[in-house]
Amino acid sequence: MGRLSQPYSLEQVEQALRSLGETPIWSSLPRALRQHKCVNFKAFVNVWPGGTVLVQGGEAPKLEQALKERLGEAIEDREPQFLAGGPAWHLFVDGSCPVNKLAGKVPTAAGWGIAVYRFDQPAEIFVELFGPVVTEAVSPLSLGAMCGSNNTGELSAMAEALLCLRDECPEERTPAVLHYDSEYVANIVLGRNRAHKNVELAQKLQGLYAEVQASRPVRLSHVKGHSGCAGNERADQLAAQGTEGRFSLQSKRWAKHAEAAEAAGLANKAQFNLLSL
């Protein structure tokens, strides 16, 4: 028997099961328990009213792992080369806002950073992407952020990583793993939580995730922040550069809109300097 580490709605479990080729048919058991007998696995999936999900049967471990991957559950990974399952792109994402307590009250500088490891060179960073959170709606680089904050930095990092996978990572069918340290971001990406702020940014992120998933296998993987993971530490450093208005033109999108990048960088730098006084 296996238990998923987080609660899920019946609809979320159904969506995950369908992606595995199952047609969920639920039996009603005592205490409002719902149970599906799998066709493609020798296992049962049980969903309790509070969202607890239990997997039983001879192939429970196999199905549990598959459900966790579909639902984006946290699997602690320290370095990309230690991940099982064959070659994959590994993108570590992070966001930063030095004065997050003031976010939404006054203009605040926030940044995002991504450390990208190429699938055939897992021990070396392939490219480093970073920049300021763009809050100017008319900017061609806007993703929908309304203000600079830790959350918009984290959301922007994940969105930029997905754009990188969609537009700039060759070997389209090669799997990708997105490593994050913010549970808030994972919950938004997977639709577990509804965004009450920066709704446009959240919707953009969810759309990108669905689009990239349609072209290659994508998995979310949690890594504890400041735990010595090289990829996460580097993404954190890159995000800090973004808060200062710096940006990387290694991103084709940012290079294409260099003037807009410069404008966003100057605005962030001014906010950073003002609040650093």
C-alpha atoms as a PDB file:
ATOM      1  CA  MET A   1       0.000   0.000   0.000  1.00  0.00           C
ATOM      2  CA  GLY A   2       1.222   3.489  -0.827  1.00  0.00           C
ATOM      3  CA  ARG A   3      -0.034   6.906   0.172  1.00  0.00           C
ATOM      4  CA  LEU A   4       0.466  10.090  -1.811  1.00  0.00           C
ATOM      5  CA  SER A   5       2.091  12.780   0.290  1.00  0.00           C
ATOM      6  CA  GLN A   6      -0.449  15.503  -0.484  1.00  0.00           C
ATOM      7  CA  PRO A   7      -4.266  15.606  -0.615  1.00  0.00           C
ATOM      8  CA  TYR A   8      -5.946  15.796  -4.031  1.00  0.00           C
ATOM      9  CA  SER A   9      -9.455  16.342  -5.288  1.00  0.00           C
ATOM     10  CA  LEU A  10     -11.252  13.524  -7.058  1.00  0.00           C
ATOM     11  CA  GLU A  11     -11.008  15.525 -10.293  1.00  0.00           C
ATOM     12  CA  GLN A  12      -7.202  15.791 -10.002  1.00  0.00           C
ATOM     13  CA  VAL A  13      -6.863  12.052  -9.426  1.00  0.00           C
ATOM     14  CA  GLU A  14      -9.169  11.331 -12.364  1.00  0.00           C
ATOM     15  CA  GLN A  15      -7.088  13.525 -14.652  1.00  0.00           C
ATOM     16  CA  ALA A  16      -3.905  11.730 -13.581  1.00  0.00           C
ATOM     17  CA  LEU A  17      -5.502   8.326 -14.092  1.00  0.00           C
ATOM     18  CA  ARG A  18      -6.717   9.260 -17.573  1.00  0.00           C
ATOM     19  CA  SER A  19      -3.191  10.305 -18.523  1.00  0.00           C
ATOM     20  CA  LEU A  20      -2.172   6.740 -17.610  1.00  0.00           C
ATOM     21  CA  GLY A  21      -4.790   5.230 -19.901  1.00  0.00           C
ATOM     22  CA  GLU A  22      -7.378   4.557 -17.204  1.00  0.00           C
ATOM     23  CA  THR A  23     -11.095   5.359 -17.382  1.00  0.00           C
ATOM     24  CA  PRO A  24     -11.967   6.130 -13.747  1.00  0.00           C
ATOM     25  CA  ILE A  25     -15.024   4.237 -12.541  1.00  0.00           C
ATOM     26  CA  TRP A  26     -15.632   4.818  -8.852  1.00  0.00           C
ATOM     27  CA  SER A  27     -17.256   2.453  -6.405  1.00  0.00           C
ATOM     28  CA  SER A  28     -18.770   4.007  -3.282  1.00  0.00           C
ATOM     29  CA  LEU A  29     -17.555   2.365  -0.080  1.00  0.00           C
ATOM     30  CA  PRO A  30     -18.242   3.100   3.618  1.00  0.00           C
ATOM     31  CA  ARG A  31     -17.174   6.479   5.064  1.00  0.00           C
ATOM     32  CA  ALA A  32     -17.640   8.108   1.650  1.00  0.00           C
ATOM     33  CA  LEU A  33     -14.535   6.359   0.301  1.00  0.00           C
ATOM     34  CA  ARG A  34     -14.294   6.187  -3.497  1.00  0.00           C
ATOM     35  CA  GLN A  35     -12.400   3.321  -5.104  1.00  0.00           C
ATOM     36  CA  HIS A  36     -11.275   2.684  -8.685  1.00  0.00           C
ATOM     37  CA  LYS A  37     -10.108  -0.753  -9.831  1.00  0.00           C
ATOM     38  CA  CYS A  38      -7.412  -0.199 -12.442  1.00  0.00           C
ATOM     39  CA  VAL A  39      -7.405  -1.913 -15.815  1.00  0.00           C
ATOM     40  CA  ASN A  40      -3.779  -1.251 -16.758  1.00  0.00           C
ATOM     41  CA  PHE A  41      -2.348  -1.897 -13.292  1.00  0.00           C
ATOM     42  CA  LYS A  42      -2.949  -4.623 -10.750  1.00  0.00           C
ATOM     43  CA  ALA A  43      -3.990  -2.030  -8.207  1.00  0.00           C
ATOM     44  CA  PHE A  44      -6.809  -0.061  -6.626  1.00  0.00           C
ATOM     45  CA  VAL A  45      -6.900   3.703  -6.094  1.00  0.00           C
ATOM     46  CA  ASN A  46      -8.771   4.924  -3.015  1.00  0.00           C
ATOM     47  CA  VAL A  47      -9.741   8.568  -2.490  1.00  0.00           C
ATOM     48  CA  TRP A  48     -11.058   9.735   0.873  1.00  0.00           C
ATOM     49  CA  PRO A  49     -13.299  12.818   1.330  1.00  0.00           C
ATOM     50  CA  GLY A  50     -10.417  14.853   2.753  1.00  0.00           C
ATOM     51  CA  GLY A  51      -8.275  14.194  -0.322  1.00  0.00           C
ATOM     52  CA  THR A  52      -6.107  11.388   1.050  1.00  0.00           C
ATOM     53  CA  VAL A  53      -5.113   9.020  -1.778  1.00  0.00           C
ATOM     54  CA  LEU A  54      -4.119   5.412  -1.080  1.00  0.00           C
ATOM     55  CA  VAL A  55      -2.919   2.903  -3.674  1.00  0.00           C
ATOM     56  CA  GLN A  56      -3.289  -0.835  -3.022  1.00  0.00           C
ATOM     57  CA  GLY A  57      -2.478  -4.008  -4.919  1.00  0.00           C
ATOM     58  CA  GLY A  58       0.364  -5.979  -6.441  1.00  0.00           C
ATOM     59  CA  GLU A  59       1.484  -3.098  -8.674  1.00  0.00           C
ATOM     60  CA  ALA A  60       0.800  -0.379  -6.089  1.00  0.00           C
ATOM     61  CA  PRO A  61       4.424   0.897  -6.022  1.00  0.00           C
ATOM     62  CA  LYS A  62       4.469   1.244  -9.822  1.00  0.00           C
ATOM     63  CA  LEU A  63       1.125   3.053  -9.927  1.00  0.00           C
ATOM     64  CA  GLU A  64       1.991   5.229  -6.927  1.00  0.00           C
ATOM     65  CA  GLN A  65       5.151   6.447  -8.668  1.00  0.00           C
ATOM     66  CA  ALA A  66       3.258   7.103 -11.901  1.00  0.00           C
ATOM     67  CA  LEU A  67       0.568   9.101 -10.081  1.00  0.00           C
ATOM     68  CA  LYS A  68       3.169  11.129  -8.201  1.00  0.00           C
ATOM     69  CA  GLU A  69       4.877  12.025 -11.471  1.00  0.00           C
ATOM     70  CA  ARG A  70       1.587  13.034 -13.093  1.00  0.00           C
ATOM     71  CA  LEU A  71       0.563  15.080 -10.069  1.00  0.00           C
ATOM     72  CA  GLY A  72       4.006  16.677  -9.735  1.00  0.00           C
ATOM     73  CA  GLU A  73       4.710  15.408  -6.245  1.00  0.00           C
ATOM     74  CA  ALA A  74       7.951  16.340  -4.579  1.00  0.00           C
ATOM     75  CA  ILE A  75      10.883  13.996  -5.073  1.00  0.00           C
ATOM     76  CA  GLU A  76      13.973  15.327  -3.364  1.00  0.00           C
ATOM     77  CA  ASP A  77      16.857  15.563  -5.863  1.00  0.00           C
ATOM     78  CA  ARG A  78      20.270  16.938  -5.020  1.00  0.00           C
ATOM     79  CA  GLU A  79      22.107  16.860  -8.345  1.00  0.00           C
ATOM     80  CA  PRO A  80      20.821  16.236 -11.863  1.00  0.00           C
ATOM     81  CA  GLN A  81      23.245  13.414 -12.598  1.00  0.00           C
ATOM     82  CA  PHE A  82      21.778  11.381  -9.740  1.00  0.00           C
ATOM     83  CA  LEU A  83      18.313  11.235 -11.283  1.00  0.00           C
ATOM     84  CA  ALA A  84      17.068   7.936 -12.619  1.00  0.00           C
ATOM     85  CA  GLY A  85      15.118   7.449 -15.816  1.00  0.00           C
ATOM     86  CA  GLY A  86      17.636   8.322 -18.515  1.00  0.00           C
ATOM     87  CA  PRO A  87      18.741  11.604 -20.105  1.00  0.00           C
ATOM     88  CA  ALA A  88      16.698  14.711 -19.379  1.00  0.00           C
ATOM     89  CA  TRP A  89      16.989  18.476 -19.377  1.00  0.00           C
ATOM     90  CA  HIS A  90      17.204  19.783 -15.798  1.00  0.00           C
ATOM     91  CA  LEU A  91      16.176  23.358 -15.063  1.00  0.00           C
ATOM     92  CA  PHE A  92      16.557  24.797 -11.562  1.00  0.00           C
ATOM     93  CA  VAL A  93      14.347  27.832 -10.963  1.00  0.00           C
ATOM     94  CA  ASP A  94      14.230  30.442  -8.220  1.00  0.00           C
ATOM     95  CA  GLY A  95      12.862  33.908  -7.507  1.00  0.00           C
ATOM     96  CA  SER A  96      13.957  36.713  -5.227  1.00  0.00           C
ATOM     97  CA  CYS A  97      12.657  39.935  -3.709  1.00  0.00           C
ATOM     98  CA  PRO A  98      14.933  41.548  -1.073  1.00  0.00           C
ATOM     99  CA  VAL A  99      12.122  43.661   0.412  1.00  0.00           C
ATOM    100  CA  ASN A 100       9.220  41.281   0.004  1.00  0.00           C
ATOM    101  CA  LYS A 101       7.389  42.732   3.024  1.00  0.00           C
ATOM    102  CA  LEU A 102       6.798  45.897   0.998  1.00  0.00           C
ATOM    103  CA  ALA A 103       5.572  44.077  -2.104  1.00  0.00           C
ATOM    104  CA  GLY A 104       2.277  45.476  -3.319  1.00  0.00           C
ATOM    105  CA  LYS A 105       2.609  48.576  -1.124  1.00  0.00           C
ATOM    106  CA  VAL A 106       5.397  50.333  -3.003  1.00  0.00           C
ATOM    107  CA  PRO A 107       7.241  49.412  -6.235  1.00  0.00           C
ATOM    108  CA  THR A 108       9.667  46.645  -5.310  1.00  0.00           C
ATOM    109  CA  ALA A 109      12.456  45.005  -7.274  1.00  0.00           C
ATOM    110  CA  ALA A 110      12.193  41.258  -7.832  1.00  0.00           C
ATOM    111  CA  GLY A 111      14.149  38.854 -10.001  1.00  0.00           C
ATOM    112  CA  TRP A 112      14.130  35.356 -11.415  1.00  0.00           C
ATOM    113  CA  GLY A 113      16.920  32.906 -12.218  1.00  0.00           C
ATOM    114  CA  ILE A 114      17.314  29.579 -14.025  1.00  0.00           C
ATOM    115  CA  ALA A 115      20.280  27.198 -14.142  1.00  0.00           C
ATOM    116  CA  VAL A 116      19.891  24.894 -17.154  1.00  0.00           C
ATOM    117  CA  TYR A 117      21.686  21.550 -17.373  1.00  0.00           C
ATOM    118  CA  ARG A 118      21.828  19.956 -20.813  1.00  0.00           C
ATOM    119  CA  PHE A 119      20.583  16.376 -21.082  1.00  0.00           C
ATOM    120  CA  ASP A 120      23.893  15.029 -22.409  1.00  0.00           C
ATOM    121  CA  GLN A 121      26.113  17.093 -20.070  1.00  0.00           C
ATOM    122  CA  PRO A 122      24.403  16.737 -16.656  1.00  0.00           C
ATOM    123  CA  ALA A 123      27.427  17.812 -14.611  1.00  0.00           C
ATOM    124  CA  GLU A 124      27.867  21.249 -16.247  1.00  0.00           C
ATOM    125  CA  ILE A 125      25.527  24.226 -16.483  1.00  0.00           C
ATOM    126  CA  PHE A 126      24.521  24.606 -20.115  1.00  0.00           C
ATOM    127  CA  VAL A 127      23.078  28.116 -19.878  1.00  0.00           C
ATOM    128  CA  GLU A 128      22.224  30.658 -17.174  1.00  0.00           C
ATOM    129  CA  LEU A 129      19.088  32.758 -17.544  1.00  0.00           C
ATOM    130  CA  PHE A 130      18.056  35.606 -15.252  1.00  0.00           C
ATOM    131  CA  GLY A 131      16.341  38.945 -15.253  1.00  0.00           C
ATOM    132  CA  PRO A 132      14.006  41.324 -13.448  1.00  0.00           C
ATOM    133  CA  VAL A 133      10.331  40.600 -12.918  1.00  0.00           C
ATOM    134  CA  VAL A 134       8.619  42.667 -15.615  1.00  0.00           C
ATOM    135  CA  THR A 135       5.606  44.575 -14.279  1.00  0.00           C
ATOM    136  CA  GLU A 136       5.035  46.899 -17.250  1.00  0.00           C
ATOM    137  CA  ALA A 137       1.993  45.383 -18.978  1.00  0.00           C
ATOM    138  CA  VAL A 138       2.843  46.788 -22.422  1.00  0.00           C
ATOM    139  CA  SER A 139       6.351  45.312 -22.415  1.00  0.00           C
ATOM    140  CA  PRO A 140       6.841  42.465 -24.921  1.00  0.00           C
ATOM    141  CA  LEU A 141       8.590  40.642 -22.057  1.00  0.00           C
ATOM    142  CA  SER A 142       5.591  40.882 -19.726  1.00  0.00           C
ATOM    143  CA  LEU A 143       4.233  37.602 -18.375  1.00  0.00           C
ATOM    144  CA  GLY A 144       1.446  39.276 -16.427  1.00  0.00           C
ATOM    145  CA  ALA A 145       3.125  40.122 -13.104  1.00  0.00           C
ATOM    146  CA  MET A 146       1.441  43.030 -11.342  1.00  0.00           C
ATOM    147  CA  CYS A 147       4.243  43.701  -8.852  1.00  0.00           C
ATOM    148  CA  GLY A 148       7.678  42.531  -7.813  1.00  0.00           C
ATOM    149  CA  SER A 149       7.560  39.959  -5.000  1.00  0.00           C
ATOM    150  CA  ASN A 150       9.004  36.597  -4.021  1.00  0.00           C
ATOM    151  CA  ASN A 151       5.955  34.915  -5.514  1.00  0.00           C
ATOM    152  CA  THR A 152       6.085  36.748  -8.849  1.00  0.00           C
ATOM    153  CA  GLY A 153       9.815  36.049  -8.974  1.00  0.00           C
ATOM    154  CA  GLU A 154       9.189  32.329  -8.473  1.00  0.00           C
ATOM    155  CA  LEU A 155       6.312  32.270 -10.970  1.00  0.00           C
ATOM    156  CA  SER A 156       8.311  34.224 -13.545  1.00  0.00           C
ATOM    157  CA  ALA A 157      11.268  31.838 -13.174  1.00  0.00           C
ATOM    158  CA  MET A 158       9.066  28.827 -13.833  1.00  0.00           C
ATOM    159  CA  ALA A 159       7.375  30.526 -16.803  1.00  0.00           C
ATOM    160  CA  GLU A 160      10.709  31.543 -18.325  1.00  0.00           C
ATOM    161  CA  ALA A 161      11.960  27.963 -17.852  1.00  0.00           C
ATOM    162  CA  LEU A 162       8.944  26.616 -19.729  1.00  0.00           C
ATOM    163  CA  LEU A 163       9.472  29.160 -22.503  1.00  0.00           C
ATOM    164  CA  CYS A 164      13.081  28.010 -22.694  1.00  0.00           C
ATOM    165  CA  LEU A 165      11.956  24.387 -23.043  1.00  0.00           C
ATOM    166  CA  ARG A 166       9.382  25.303 -25.658  1.00  0.00           C
ATOM    167  CA  ASP A 167      11.526  27.570 -27.812  1.00  0.00           C
ATOM    168  CA  GLU A 168      15.197  26.989 -27.116  1.00  0.00           C
ATOM    169  CA  CYS A 169      15.901  23.430 -25.968  1.00  0.00           C
ATOM    170  CA  PRO A 170      16.618  21.058 -28.864  1.00  0.00           C
ATOM    171  CA  GLU A 171      15.717  17.364 -28.854  1.00  0.00           C
ATOM    172  CA  GLU A 172      12.058  18.187 -28.401  1.00  0.00           C
ATOM    173  CA  ARG A 173      11.016  14.766 -27.108  1.00  0.00           C
ATOM    174  CA  THR A 174      13.773  14.631 -24.483  1.00  0.00           C
ATOM    175  CA  PRO A 175      12.173  14.702 -21.013  1.00  0.00           C
ATOM    176  CA  ALA A 176      12.635  17.686 -18.725  1.00  0.00           C
ATOM    177  CA  VAL A 177      12.693  18.104 -14.966  1.00  0.00           C
ATOM    178  CA  LEU A 178      11.868  21.467 -13.399  1.00  0.00           C
ATOM    179  CA  HIS A 179      13.453  21.770  -9.955  1.00  0.00           C
ATOM    180  CA  TYR A 180      11.799  24.269  -7.611  1.00  0.00           C
ATOM    181  CA  ASP A 181      12.004  25.196  -3.933  1.00  0.00           C
ATOM    182  CA  SER A 182       8.659  27.033  -3.717  1.00  0.00           C
ATOM    183  CA  GLU A 183       5.615  24.852  -3.019  1.00  0.00           C
ATOM    184  CA  TYR A 184       3.494  27.897  -3.908  1.00  0.00           C
ATOM    185  CA  VAL A 185       4.718  27.697  -7.502  1.00  0.00           C
ATOM    186  CA  ALA A 186       4.066  23.959  -7.806  1.00  0.00           C
ATOM    187  CA  ASN A 187       0.551  24.376  -6.452  1.00  0.00           C
ATOM    188  CA  ILE A 188      -0.189  27.128  -8.978  1.00  0.00           C
ATOM    189  CA  VAL A 189       1.325  25.235 -11.913  1.00  0.00           C
ATOM    190  CA  LEU A 190      -0.648  22.081 -11.140  1.00  0.00           C
ATOM    191  CA  GLY A 191      -3.876  23.933 -10.366  1.00  0.00           C
ATOM    192  CA  ARG A 192      -4.018  22.800  -6.744  1.00  0.00           C
ATOM    193  CA  ASN A 193      -4.381  26.387  -5.541  1.00  0.00           C
ATOM    194  CA  ARG A 194      -6.235  29.252  -7.172  1.00  0.00           C
ATOM    195  CA  ALA A 195      -4.278  32.468  -7.618  1.00  0.00           C
ATOM    196  CA  HIS A 196      -5.889  35.480  -5.955  1.00  0.00           C
ATOM    197  CA  LYS A 197      -3.164  37.875  -7.081  1.00  0.00           C
ATOM    198  CA  ASN A 198      -1.267  38.019 -10.361  1.00  0.00           C
ATOM    199  CA  VAL A 199      -4.004  35.935 -11.953  1.00  0.00           C
ATOM    200  CA  GLU A 200      -2.791  36.647 -15.479  1.00  0.00           C
ATOM    201  CA  LEU A 201       0.721  35.429 -14.612  1.00  0.00           C
ATOM    202  CA  ALA A 202      -0.672  32.253 -13.031  1.00  0.00           C
ATOM    203  CA  GLN A 203      -2.871  31.538 -16.053  1.00  0.00           C
ATOM    204  CA  LYS A 204       0.050  32.147 -18.408  1.00  0.00           C
ATOM    205  CA  LEU A 205       2.172  29.722 -16.403  1.00  0.00           C
ATOM    206  CA  GLN A 206      -0.477  26.992 -16.420  1.00  0.00           C
ATOM    207  CA  GLY A 207      -0.954  27.402 -20.164  1.00  0.00           C
ATOM    208  CA  LEU A 208       2.778  27.099 -20.809  1.00  0.00           C
ATOM    209  CA  TYR A 209       3.011  23.994 -18.638  1.00  0.00           C
ATOM    210  CA  ALA A 210       0.204  22.311 -20.600  1.00  0.00           C
ATOM    211  CA  GLU A 211       1.774  23.356 -23.908  1.00  0.00           C
ATOM    212  CA  VAL A 212       5.225  22.006 -23.053  1.00  0.00           C
ATOM    213  CA  GLN A 213       3.768  18.801 -21.615  1.00  0.00           C
ATOM    214  CA  ALA A 214       2.143  18.177 -24.986  1.00  0.00           C
ATOM    215  CA  SER A 215       5.552  18.089 -26.697  1.00  0.00           C
ATOM    216  CA  ARG A 216       7.761  16.310 -24.138  1.00  0.00           C
ATOM    217  CA  PRO A 217       7.520  14.551 -20.751  1.00  0.00           C
ATOM    218  CA  VAL A 218       7.841  17.140 -17.960  1.00  0.00           C
ATOM    219  CA  ARG A 219       8.185  16.518 -14.248  1.00  0.00           C
ATOM    220  CA  LEU A 220       8.282  18.897 -11.295  1.00  0.00           C
ATOM    221  CA  SER A 221      10.807  18.066  -8.602  1.00  0.00           C
ATOM    222  CA  HIS A 222      11.105  19.761  -5.223  1.00  0.00           C
ATOM    223  CA  VAL A 223      14.489  20.650  -3.798  1.00  0.00           C
ATOM    224  CA  LYS A 224      14.929  22.197  -0.365  1.00  0.00           C
ATOM    225  CA  GLY A 225      16.245  25.740  -0.647  1.00  0.00           C
ATOM    226  CA  HIS A 226      19.738  26.487   0.663  1.00  0.00           C
ATOM    227  CA  SER A 227      20.441  22.796   1.202  1.00  0.00           C
ATOM    228  CA  GLY A 228      23.680  22.627  -0.769  1.00  0.00           C
ATOM    229  CA  CYS A 229      22.148  21.644  -4.096  1.00  0.00           C
ATOM    230  CA  ALA A 230      24.405  23.274  -6.699  1.00  0.00           C
ATOM    231  CA  GLY A 231      21.645  23.909  -9.234  1.00  0.00           C
ATOM    232  CA  ASN A 232      19.335  25.501  -6.677  1.00  0.00           C
ATOM    233  CA  GLU A 233      22.122  27.624  -5.175  1.00  0.00           C
ATOM    234  CA  ARG A 234      23.073  28.927  -8.599  1.00  0.00           C
ATOM    235  CA  ALA A 235      19.472  29.730  -9.517  1.00  0.00           C
ATOM    236  CA  ASP A 236      19.206  31.685  -6.254  1.00  0.00           C
ATOM    237  CA  GLN A 237      22.322  33.687  -7.133  1.00  0.00           C
ATOM    238  CA  LEU A 238      20.981  34.398 -10.615  1.00  0.00           C
ATOM    239  CA  ALA A 239      17.645  35.564  -9.243  1.00  0.00           C
ATOM    240  CA  ALA A 240      19.506  37.966  -6.963  1.00  0.00           C
ATOM    241  CA  GLN A 241      21.171  39.468 -10.040  1.00  0.00           C
ATOM    242  CA  GLY A 242      17.731  39.951 -11.536  1.00  0.00           C
ATOM    243  CA  THR A 243      16.605  41.992  -8.522  1.00  0.00           C
ATOM    244  CA  GLU A 244      19.463  44.413  -9.280  1.00  0.00           C
ATOM    245  CA  GLY A 245      18.190  44.956 -12.804  1.00  0.00           C
ATOM    246  CA  ARG A 246      20.679  42.671 -14.518  1.00  0.00           C
ATOM    247  CA  PHE A 247      19.563  40.264 -17.218  1.00  0.00           C
ATOM    248  CA  SER A 248      20.944  37.559 -19.469  1.00  0.00           C
ATOM    249  CA  LEU A 249      20.758  37.814 -23.242  1.00  0.00           C
ATOM    250  CA  GLN A 250      21.415  34.086 -23.506  1.00  0.00           C
ATOM    251  CA  SER A 251      17.641  33.882 -23.677  1.00  0.00           C
ATOM    252  CA  LYS A 252      16.633  34.366 -27.309  1.00  0.00           C
ATOM    253  CA  ARG A 253      13.395  35.977 -26.163  1.00  0.00           C
ATOM    254  CA  TRP A 254      15.195  38.570 -24.091  1.00  0.00           C
ATOM    255  CA  ALA A 255      17.829  39.115 -26.780  1.00  0.00           C
ATOM    256  CA  LYS A 256      15.074  39.732 -29.343  1.00  0.00           C
ATOM    257  CA  HIS A 257      13.580  42.444 -27.132  1.00  0.00           C
ATOM    258  CA  ALA A 258      16.848  43.964 -25.903  1.00  0.00           C
ATOM    259  CA  GLU A 259      15.410  47.486 -25.582  1.00  0.00           C
ATOM    260  CA  ALA A 260      12.521  46.242 -23.461  1.00  0.00           C
ATOM    261  CA  ALA A 261      14.983  44.210 -21.398  1.00  0.00           C
ATOM    262  CA  GLU A 262      17.087  47.297 -20.808  1.00  0.00           C
ATOM    263  CA  ALA A 263      14.031  49.309 -19.772  1.00  0.00           C
ATOM    264  CA  ALA A 264      12.885  46.609 -17.347  1.00  0.00           C
ATOM    265  CA  GLY A 265      16.395  46.344 -15.946  1.00  0.00           C
ATOM    266  CA  LEU A 266      16.692  50.093 -15.379  1.00  0.00           C
ATOM    267  CA  ALA A 267      13.296  50.218 -13.652  1.00  0.00           C
ATOM    268  CA  ASN A 268      14.248  47.342 -11.360  1.00  0.00           C
ATOM    269  CA  LYS A 269      17.658  48.843 -10.638  1.00  0.00           C
ATOM    270  CA  ALA A 270      16.058  52.159  -9.665  1.00  0.00           C
ATOM    271  CA  GLN A 271      13.637  50.395  -7.295  1.00  0.00           C
ATOM    272  CA  PHE A 272      16.431  48.282  -5.840  1.00  0.00           C
ATOM    273  CA  ASN A 273      18.673  51.302  -5.231  1.00  0.00           C
ATOM    274  CA  LEU A 274      15.846  53.380  -3.750  1.00  0.00           C
ATOM    275  CA  LEU A 275      14.855  50.741  -1.216  1.00  0.00           C
ATOM    276  CA  SER A 276      18.479  49.960  -0.396  1.00  0.00           C
ATOM    277  CA  LEU A 277      19.092  53.487   0.924  1.00  0.00           C
END
